[in-house]
Every structure is written in structure tokens, then in C-alpha cells.
Amino acid sequence: GVSVCPVMAPPSLLMVLMVVAMATGARSASEENELDYGYWNYREGADRVNVASVRSVTRVLDAWGKRIFSEIKTLLHSQPSTLLPDYSR
């Protein structure tokens, strides 16, 4: 004979449960994320961008990034135990 697992529900019931779970999950997720900005037109206001200030901010961030990277690299070479305590030579 064919043995059927008693815990196994019929496929139609499983589908209904899946749909209900998905619907309630989507509803709660949309309620949590109530900040809906809609479609963002990235071209809007492009003519009013101050290119000089963007360039200077980019330079500052670039300098910070290079300095942080070099300091981490120096620290990693000179005393790796401070950055990586679990790593022993």
C-alpha cells in the first residue's frame, strides 16, 4: 500500500496558507515602511547643481578615504594584534 505521512496537508491547503502568509506579511511590511517617496526623477534639478561644491566635497571624502586607508595599512603592518586580536602570527 501507499503510506502517506499524516502530518502532510493537501497541496491546496498549503497554497492557501502560503497566500495568506504572503498577504499579511506584505501588509505589515508596507505599514512599517510608511515613507514612500514614489518615483525619483534624478534629472530634476540637475541644472541647479553647484559643481564646484560637489567637487570639493568629493575631494575631502577622497582625502579622508586615502588617509584612513593608509593609517589602517600602517597599523596592520606595524601592530596587527590591535586590529586583529584573534589573529596571531
PDB file of N, CA and C in Angstrom:
ATOM      1  N   GLY A   1       0.819  -1.209   0.000  1.00  0.00           N
ATOM      2  CA  GLY A   1       0.000   0.000   0.000  1.00  0.00           C
ATOM      3  C   GLY A   1       0.846   1.250   0.000  1.00  0.00           C
ATOM      4  N   VAL A   2       0.198   2.359  -0.279  1.00  0.00           N
ATOM      5  CA  VAL A   2       0.893   3.652  -0.290  1.00  0.00           C
ATOM      6  C   VAL A   2       0.781   4.282   1.075  1.00  0.00           C
ATOM      7  N   SER A   3       1.927   4.563   1.690  1.00  0.00           N
ATOM      8  CA  SER A   3       1.895   5.173   3.015  1.00  0.00           C
ATOM      9  C   SER A   3       1.978   6.686   2.867  1.00  0.00           C
ATOM     10  N   VAL A   4       1.026   7.404   3.494  1.00  0.00           N
ATOM     11  CA  VAL A   4       1.004   8.867   3.429  1.00  0.00           C
ATOM     12  C   VAL A   4       1.328   9.403   4.816  1.00  0.00           C
ATOM     13  N   CYS A   5       2.217  10.362   4.870  1.00  0.00           N
ATOM     14  CA  CYS A   5       2.578  10.984   6.148  1.00  0.00           C
ATOM     15  C   CYS A   5       1.359  11.722   6.701  1.00  0.00           C
ATOM     16  N   PRO A   6       0.947  11.454   7.922  1.00  0.00           N
ATOM     17  CA  PRO A   6      -0.265  12.069   8.461  1.00  0.00           C
ATOM     18  C   PRO A   6      -0.131  13.578   8.674  1.00  0.00           C
ATOM     19  N   VAL A   7       1.088  14.067   8.811  1.00  0.00           N
ATOM     20  CA  VAL A   7       1.285  15.496   9.059  1.00  0.00           C
ATOM     21  C   VAL A   7       1.121  16.287   7.761  1.00  0.00           C
ATOM     22  N   MET A   8       1.395  15.649   6.628  1.00  0.00           N
ATOM     23  CA  MET A   8       1.362  16.329   5.336  1.00  0.00           C
ATOM     24  C   MET A   8      -0.055  16.793   5.001  1.00  0.00           C
ATOM     25  N   ALA A   9      -0.212  18.104   4.787  1.00  0.00           N
ATOM     26  CA  ALA A   9      -1.522  18.663   4.427  1.00  0.00           C
ATOM     27  C   ALA A   9      -1.697  18.578   2.913  1.00  0.00           C
ATOM     28  N   PRO A  10      -2.931  18.594   2.433  1.00  0.00           N
ATOM     29  CA  PRO A  10      -3.152  18.599   0.990  1.00  0.00           C
ATOM     30  C   PRO A  10      -2.554  19.851   0.351  1.00  0.00           C
ATOM     31  N   PRO A  11      -2.080  19.747  -0.885  1.00  0.00           N
ATOM     32  CA  PRO A  11      -1.387  20.866  -1.530  1.00  0.00           C
ATOM     33  C   PRO A  11      -2.247  22.132  -1.620  1.00  0.00           C
ATOM     34  N   SER A  12      -3.574  21.964  -1.796  1.00  0.00           N
ATOM     35  CA  SER A  12      -4.420  23.154  -1.910  1.00  0.00           C
ATOM     36  C   SER A  12      -4.423  23.941  -0.603  1.00  0.00           C
ATOM     37  N   LEU A  13      -4.449  23.239   0.533  1.00  0.00           N
ATOM     38  CA  LEU A  13      -4.423  23.903   1.832  1.00  0.00           C
ATOM     39  C   LEU A  13      -3.098  24.633   2.033  1.00  0.00           C
ATOM     40  N   LEU A  14      -2.008  23.985   1.602  1.00  0.00           N
ATOM     41  CA  LEU A  14      -0.693  24.626   1.720  1.00  0.00           C
ATOM     42  C   LEU A  14      -0.648  25.905   0.890  1.00  0.00           C
ATOM     43  N   MET A  15      -1.227  25.859  -0.308  1.00  0.00           N
ATOM     44  CA  MET A  15      -1.239  27.044  -1.160  1.00  0.00           C
ATOM     45  C   MET A  15      -2.017  28.179  -0.489  1.00  0.00           C
ATOM     46  N   VAL A  16      -3.175  27.849   0.073  1.00  0.00           N
ATOM     47  CA  VAL A  16      -3.991  28.870   0.744  1.00  0.00           C
ATOM     48  C   VAL A  16      -3.210  29.490   1.902  1.00  0.00           C
ATOM     49  N   LEU A  17      -2.545  28.633   2.688  1.00  0.00           N
ATOM     50  CA  LEU A  17      -1.765  29.137   3.817  1.00  0.00           C
ATOM     51  C   LEU A  17      -0.626  30.042   3.335  1.00  0.00           C
ATOM     52  N   MET A  18       0.034  29.642   2.247  1.00  0.00           N
ATOM     53  CA  MET A  18       1.120  30.442   1.696  1.00  0.00           C
ATOM     54  C   MET A  18       0.609  31.817   1.257  1.00  0.00           C
ATOM     55  N   VAL A  19      -0.524  31.831   0.556  1.00  0.00           N
ATOM     56  CA  VAL A  19      -1.076  33.092   0.064  1.00  0.00           C
ATOM     57  C   VAL A  19      -1.456  33.997   1.231  1.00  0.00           C
ATOM     58  N   VAL A  20      -2.086  33.413   2.264  1.00  0.00           N
ATOM     59  CA  VAL A  20      -2.475  34.208   3.434  1.00  0.00           C
ATOM     60  C   VAL A  20      -1.234  34.770   4.125  1.00  0.00           C
ATOM     61  N   ALA A  21      -0.200  33.930   4.271  1.00  0.00           N
ATOM     62  CA  ALA A  21       1.024  34.388   4.925  1.00  0.00           C
ATOM     63  C   ALA A  21       1.677  35.517   4.136  1.00  0.00           C
ATOM     64  N   MET A  22       1.703  35.369   2.800  1.00  0.00           N
ATOM     65  CA  MET A  22       2.314  36.401   1.963  1.00  0.00           C
ATOM     66  C   MET A  22       1.517  37.700   2.047  1.00  0.00           C
ATOM     67  N   ALA A  23       0.188  37.598   2.042  1.00  0.00           N
ATOM     68  CA  ALA A  23      -0.649  38.799   2.068  1.00  0.00           C
ATOM     69  C   ALA A  23      -0.475  39.550   3.383  1.00  0.00           C
ATOM     70  N   THR A  24      -0.494  38.832   4.510  1.00  0.00           N
ATOM     71  CA  THR A  24      -0.342  39.502   5.804  1.00  0.00           C
ATOM     72  C   THR A  24       1.067  40.060   5.944  1.00  0.00           C
ATOM     73  N   GLY A  25       2.073  39.342   5.451  1.00  0.00           N
ATOM     74  CA  GLY A  25       3.451  39.829   5.522  1.00  0.00           C
ATOM     75  C   GLY A  25       3.631  41.090   4.711  1.00  0.00           C
ATOM     76  N   ALA A  26       3.056  41.145   3.512  1.00  0.00           N
ATOM     77  CA  ALA A  26       3.191  42.326   2.659  1.00  0.00           C
ATOM     78  C   ALA A  26       2.495  43.520   3.293  1.00  0.00           C
ATOM     79  N   ARG A  27       1.325  43.265   3.921  1.00  0.00           N
ATOM     80  CA  ARG A  27       0.576  44.369   4.521  1.00  0.00           C
ATOM     81  C   ARG A  27       1.356  44.961   5.692  1.00  0.00           C
ATOM     82  N   SER A  28       1.924  44.095   6.555  1.00  0.00           N
ATOM     83  CA  SER A  28       2.649  44.610   7.716  1.00  0.00           C
ATOM     84  C   SER A  28       3.925  45.319   7.270  1.00  0.00           C
ATOM     85  N   ALA A  29       4.563  44.817   6.212  1.00  0.00           N
ATOM     86  CA  ALA A  29       5.782  45.460   5.726  1.00  0.00           C
ATOM     87  C   ALA A  29       5.471  46.850   5.180  1.00  0.00           C
ATOM     88  N   SER A  30       4.344  46.985   4.472  1.00  0.00           N
ATOM     89  CA  SER A  30       4.013  48.293   3.915  1.00  0.00           C
ATOM     90  C   SER A  30       3.603  49.253   5.027  1.00  0.00           C
ATOM     91  N   GLU A  31       3.031  48.739   6.105  1.00  0.00           N
ATOM     92  CA  GLU A  31       2.671  49.609   7.224  1.00  0.00           C
ATOM     93  C   GLU A  31       3.922  50.104   7.945  1.00  0.00           C
ATOM     94  N   GLU A  32       4.932  49.237   8.068  1.00  0.00           N
ATOM     95  CA  GLU A  32       6.168  49.646   8.730  1.00  0.00           C
ATOM     96  C   GLU A  32       6.879  50.721   7.917  1.00  0.00           C
ATOM     97  N   ASN A  33       6.955  50.501   6.601  1.00  0.00           N
ATOM     98  CA  ASN A  33       7.684  51.433   5.742  1.00  0.00           C
ATOM     99  C   ASN A  33       6.709  52.439   5.163  1.00  0.00           C
ATOM    100  N   GLU A  34       6.362  53.444   5.980  1.00  0.00           N
ATOM    101  CA  GLU A  34       5.367  54.403   5.532  1.00  0.00           C
ATOM    102  C   GLU A  34       5.987  55.566   4.773  1.00  0.00           C
ATOM    103  N   LEU A  35       7.335  55.639   4.728  1.00  0.00           N
ATOM    104  CA  LEU A  35       7.999  56.683   3.963  1.00  0.00           C
ATOM    105  C   LEU A  35       8.083  56.243   2.510  1.00  0.00           C
ATOM    106  N   ASP A  36       7.115  56.674   1.700  1.00  0.00           N
ATOM    107  CA  ASP A  36       7.092  56.303   0.292  1.00  0.00           C
ATOM    108  C   ASP A  36       7.356  57.553  -0.525  1.00  0.00           C
ATOM    109  N   TYR A  37       8.530  57.625  -1.121  1.00  0.00           N
ATOM    110  CA  TYR A  37       8.894  58.814  -1.877  1.00  0.00           C
ATOM    111  C   TYR A  37       8.427  58.736  -3.324  1.00  0.00           C
ATOM    112  N   GLY A  38       7.910  57.599  -3.738  1.00  0.00           N
ATOM    113  CA  GLY A  38       7.454  57.459  -5.108  1.00  0.00           C
ATOM    114  C   GLY A  38       8.614  57.387  -6.077  1.00  0.00           C
ATOM    115  N   TYR A  39       8.343  57.740  -7.316  1.00  0.00           N
ATOM    116  CA  TYR A  39       9.374  57.673  -8.356  1.00  0.00           C
ATOM    117  C   TYR A  39      10.300  58.867  -8.229  1.00  0.00           C
ATOM    118  N   TRP A  40      11.602  58.613  -8.229  1.00  0.00           N
ATOM    119  CA  TRP A  40      12.580  59.692  -8.120  1.00  0.00           C
ATOM    120  C   TRP A  40      13.087  60.048  -9.507  1.00  0.00           C
ATOM    121  N   ASN A  41      12.812  61.281  -9.928  1.00  0.00           N
ATOM    122  CA  ASN A  41      13.334  61.753 -11.209  1.00  0.00           C
ATOM    123  C   ASN A  41      14.700  62.367 -10.945  1.00  0.00           C
ATOM    124  N   TYR A  42      15.764  61.631 -11.244  1.00  0.00           N
ATOM    125  CA  TYR A  42      17.106  62.093 -10.918  1.00  0.00           C
ATOM    126  C   TYR A  42      17.566  63.220 -11.835  1.00  0.00           C
ATOM    127  N   ARG A  43      16.863  63.474 -12.939  1.00  0.00           N
ATOM    128  CA  ARG A  43      17.258  64.578 -13.828  1.00  0.00           C
ATOM    129  C   ARG A  43      16.724  65.918 -13.336  1.00  0.00           C
ATOM    130  N   GLU A  44      15.705  65.881 -12.481  1.00  0.00           N
ATOM    131  CA  GLU A  44      15.092  67.123 -11.996  1.00  0.00           C
ATOM    132  C   GLU A  44      16.075  67.880 -11.108  1.00  0.00           C
ATOM    133  N   GLY A  45      16.340  69.125 -11.443  1.00  0.00           N
ATOM    134  CA  GLY A  45      17.256  69.954 -10.672  1.00  0.00           C
ATOM    135  C   GLY A  45      18.709  69.760 -11.024  1.00  0.00           C
ATOM    136  N   ALA A  46      19.000  68.990 -12.066  1.00  0.00           N
ATOM    137  CA  ALA A  46      20.394  68.749 -12.443  1.00  0.00           C
ATOM    138  C   ALA A  46      21.070  70.029 -12.913  1.00  0.00           C
ATOM    139  N   ASP A  47      20.284  70.963 -13.440  1.00  0.00           N
ATOM    140  CA  ASP A  47      20.865  72.219 -13.917  1.00  0.00           C
ATOM    141  C   ASP A  47      21.222  73.164 -12.767  1.00  0.00           C
ATOM    142  N   ARG A  48      20.722  72.902 -11.573  1.00  0.00           N
ATOM    143  CA  ARG A  48      20.990  73.778 -10.430  1.00  0.00           C
ATOM    144  C   ARG A  48      22.070  73.225  -9.499  1.00  0.00           C
ATOM    145  N   VAL A  49      22.737  72.146  -9.900  1.00  0.00           N
ATOM    146  CA  VAL A  49      23.772  71.554  -9.043  1.00  0.00           C
ATOM    147  C   VAL A  49      25.015  72.435  -9.055  1.00  0.00           C
ATOM    148  N   ASN A  50      25.534  72.730  -7.863  1.00  0.00           N
ATOM    149  CA  ASN A  50      26.767  73.507  -7.754  1.00  0.00           C
ATOM    150  C   ASN A  50      27.941  72.541  -7.898  1.00  0.00           C
ATOM    151  N   VAL A  51      28.499  72.517  -9.106  1.00  0.00           N
ATOM    152  CA  VAL A  51      29.534  71.530  -9.426  1.00  0.00           C
ATOM    153  C   VAL A  51      30.793  71.752  -8.593  1.00  0.00           C
ATOM    154  N   ALA A  52      31.111  73.020  -8.327  1.00  0.00           N
ATOM    155  CA  ALA A  52      32.323  73.313  -7.552  1.00  0.00           C
ATOM    156  C   ALA A  52      32.229  72.746  -6.144  1.00  0.00           C
ATOM    157  N   SER A  53      31.055  72.902  -5.499  1.00  0.00           N
ATOM    158  CA  SER A  53      30.919  72.380  -4.133  1.00  0.00           C
ATOM    159  C   SER A  53      30.917  70.861  -4.135  1.00  0.00           C
ATOM    160  N   VAL A  54      30.287  70.267  -5.138  1.00  0.00           N
ATOM    161  CA  VAL A  54      30.310  68.804  -5.232  1.00  0.00           C
ATOM    162  C   VAL A  54      31.739  68.318  -5.399  1.00  0.00           C
ATOM    163  N   ARG A  55      32.509  69.035  -6.219  1.00  0.00           N
ATOM    164  CA  ARG A  55      33.903  68.654  -6.460  1.00  0.00           C
ATOM    165  C   ARG A  55      34.720  68.759  -5.176  1.00  0.00           C
ATOM    166  N   SER A  56      34.486  69.826  -4.386  1.00  0.00           N
ATOM    167  CA  SER A  56      35.266  69.996  -3.156  1.00  0.00           C
ATOM    168  C   SER A  56      34.890  68.939  -2.121  1.00  0.00           C
ATOM    169  N   VAL A  57      33.582  68.611  -2.022  1.00  0.00           N
ATOM    170  CA  VAL A  57      33.159  67.548  -1.104  1.00  0.00           C
ATOM    171  C   VAL A  57      33.772  66.223  -1.527  1.00  0.00           C
ATOM    172  N   THR A  58      33.791  65.978  -2.840  1.00  0.00           N
ATOM    173  CA  THR A  58      34.392  64.742  -3.338  1.00  0.00           C
ATOM    174  C   THR A  58      35.871  64.679  -2.995  1.00  0.00           C
ATOM    175  N   ARG A  59      36.567  65.828  -3.136  1.00  0.00           N
ATOM    176  CA  ARG A  59      37.990  65.869  -2.783  1.00  0.00           C
ATOM    177  C   ARG A  59      38.205  65.563  -1.307  1.00  0.00           C
ATOM    178  N   VAL A  60      37.372  66.152  -0.440  1.00  0.00           N
ATOM    179  CA  VAL A  60      37.502  65.929   1.002  1.00  0.00           C
ATOM    180  C   VAL A  60      37.299  64.465   1.332  1.00  0.00           C
ATOM    181  N   LEU A  61      36.219  63.872   0.775  1.00  0.00           N
ATOM    182  CA  LEU A  61      35.938  62.459   1.052  1.00  0.00           C
ATOM    183  C   LEU A  61      37.050  61.566   0.517  1.00  0.00           C
ATOM    184  N   ASP A  62      37.576  61.923  -0.641  1.00  0.00           N
ATOM    185  CA  ASP A  62      38.662  61.152  -1.236  1.00  0.00           C
ATOM    186  C   ASP A  62      39.903  61.207  -0.351  1.00  0.00           C
ATOM    187  N   ALA A  63      40.214  62.401   0.153  1.00  0.00           N
ATOM    188  CA  ALA A  63      41.378  62.561   1.036  1.00  0.00           C
ATOM    189  C   ALA A  63      41.187  61.772   2.321  1.00  0.00           C
ATOM    190  N   TRP A  64      39.983  61.868   2.913  1.00  0.00           N
ATOM    191  CA  TRP A  64      39.689  61.099   4.124  1.00  0.00           C
ATOM    192  C   TRP A  64      39.879  59.612   3.871  1.00  0.00           C
ATOM    193  N   GLY A  65      39.322  59.139   2.762  1.00  0.00           N
ATOM    194  CA  GLY A  65      39.405  57.713   2.445  1.00  0.00           C
ATOM    195  C   GLY A  65      40.844  57.253   2.313  1.00  0.00           C
ATOM    196  N   LYS A  66      41.659  58.054   1.598  1.00  0.00           N
ATOM    197  CA  LYS A  66      43.065  57.681   1.406  1.00  0.00           C
ATOM    198  C   LYS A  66      43.822  57.694   2.729  1.00  0.00           C
ATOM    199  N   ARG A  67      43.523  58.711   3.569  1.00  0.00           N
ATOM    200  CA  ARG A  67      44.224  58.804   4.851  1.00  0.00           C
ATOM    201  C   ARG A  67      43.842  57.651   5.768  1.00  0.00           C
ATOM    202  N   ILE A  68      42.525  57.349   5.847  1.00  0.00           N
ATOM    203  CA  ILE A  68      42.075  56.223   6.680  1.00  0.00           C
ATOM    204  C   ILE A  68      42.696  54.928   6.190  1.00  0.00           C
ATOM    205  N   PHE A  69      42.701  54.749   4.862  1.00  0.00           N
ATOM    206  CA  PHE A  69      43.270  53.521   4.302  1.00  0.00           C
ATOM    207  C   PHE A  69      44.749  53.393   4.638  1.00  0.00           C
ATOM    208  N   SER A  70      45.497  54.507   4.503  1.00  0.00           N
ATOM    209  CA  SER A  70      46.936  54.428   4.778  1.00  0.00           C
ATOM    210  C   SER A  70      47.203  54.197   6.260  1.00  0.00           C
ATOM    211  N   GLU A  71      46.387  54.822   7.129  1.00  0.00           N
ATOM    212  CA  GLU A  71      46.578  54.602   8.565  1.00  0.00           C
ATOM    213  C   GLU A  71      46.287  53.161   8.952  1.00  0.00           C
ATOM    214  N   ILE A  72      45.208  52.604   8.383  1.00  0.00           N
ATOM    215  CA  ILE A  72      44.873  51.201   8.675  1.00  0.00           C
ATOM    216  C   ILE A  72      45.979  50.286   8.169  1.00  0.00           C
ATOM    217  N   LYS A  73      46.491  50.603   6.957  1.00  0.00           N
ATOM    218  CA  LYS A  73      47.558  49.781   6.383  1.00  0.00           C
ATOM    219  C   LYS A  73      48.814  49.836   7.246  1.00  0.00           C
ATOM    220  N   THR A  74      49.176  51.049   7.695  1.00  0.00           N
ATOM    221  CA  THR A  74      50.347  51.208   8.563  1.00  0.00           C
ATOM    222  C   THR A  74      50.158  50.448   9.866  1.00  0.00           C
ATOM    223  N   LEU A  75      48.960  50.594  10.453  1.00  0.00           N
ATOM    224  CA  LEU A  75      48.661  49.906  11.709  1.00  0.00           C
ATOM    225  C   LEU A  75      48.693  48.395  11.520  1.00  0.00           C
ATOM    226  N   LEU A  76      48.176  47.936  10.370  1.00  0.00           N
ATOM    227  CA  LEU A  76      48.155  46.499  10.097  1.00  0.00           C
ATOM    228  C   LEU A  76      49.571  45.946   9.971  1.00  0.00           C
ATOM    229  N   HIS A  77      50.461  46.749   9.366  1.00  0.00           N
ATOM    230  CA  HIS A  77      51.856  46.302   9.220  1.00  0.00           C
ATOM    231  C   HIS A  77      52.611  46.386  10.542  1.00  0.00           C
ATOM    232  N   SER A  78      52.416  47.490  11.297  1.00  0.00           N
ATOM    233  CA  SER A  78      53.223  47.709  12.492  1.00  0.00           C
ATOM    234  C   SER A  78      52.730  46.889  13.683  1.00  0.00           C
ATOM    235  N   GLN A  79      51.420  46.895  13.950  1.00  0.00           N
ATOM    236  CA  GLN A  79      50.898  46.121  15.078  1.00  0.00           C
ATOM    237  C   GLN A  79      49.554  45.483  14.719  1.00  0.00           C
ATOM    238  N   PRO A  80      49.612  44.339  14.054  1.00  0.00           N
ATOM    239  CA  PRO A  80      48.387  43.681  13.588  1.00  0.00           C
ATOM    240  C   PRO A  80      47.502  43.174  14.727  1.00  0.00           C
ATOM    241  N   SER A  81      48.076  42.995  15.914  1.00  0.00           N
ATOM    242  CA  SER A  81      47.279  42.450  17.018  1.00  0.00           C
ATOM    243  C   SER A  81      46.218  43.438  17.495  1.00  0.00           C
ATOM    244  N   THR A  82      46.455  44.750  17.279  1.00  0.00           N
ATOM    245  CA  THR A  82      45.457  45.727  17.705  1.00  0.00           C
ATOM    246  C   THR A  82      44.239  45.709  16.791  1.00  0.00           C
ATOM    247  N   LEU A  83      44.490  45.511  15.492  1.00  0.00           N
ATOM    248  CA  LEU A  83      43.369  45.457  14.551  1.00  0.00           C
ATOM    249  C   LEU A  83      42.707  44.083  14.541  1.00  0.00           C
ATOM    250  N   LEU A  84      43.534  43.045  14.611  1.00  0.00           N
ATOM    251  CA  LEU A  84      43.027  41.672  14.540  1.00  0.00           C
ATOM    252  C   LEU A  84      43.453  40.907  15.780  1.00  0.00           C
ATOM    253  N   PRO A  85      42.714  41.050  16.897  1.00  0.00           N
ATOM    254  CA  PRO A  85      43.134  40.404  18.146  1.00  0.00           C
ATOM    255  C   PRO A  85      43.137  38.878  18.070  1.00  0.00           C
ATOM    256  N   ASP A  86      42.245  38.299  17.263  1.00  0.00           N
ATOM    257  CA  ASP A  86      42.180  36.836  17.180  1.00  0.00           C
ATOM    258  C   ASP A  86      43.274  36.270  16.269  1.00  0.00           C
ATOM    259  N   TYR A  87      43.866  37.144  15.468  1.00  0.00           N
ATOM    260  CA  TYR A  87      44.879  36.702  14.518  1.00  0.00           C
ATOM    261  C   TYR A  87      46.245  36.792  15.169  1.00  0.00           C
ATOM    262  N   SER A  88      46.911  35.643  15.326  1.00  0.00           N
ATOM    263  CA  SER A  88      48.239  35.662  15.944  1.00  0.00           C
ATOM    264  C   SER A  88      49.267  35.176  14.951  1.00  0.00           C
ATOM    265  N   ARG A  89      50.433  35.842  14.944  1.00  0.00           N
ATOM    266  CA  ARG A  89      51.465  35.482  13.969  1.00  0.00           C
ATOM    267  C   ARG A  89      52.209  34.261  14.400  1.00  0.00           C
TER     268      ARG A  89
END
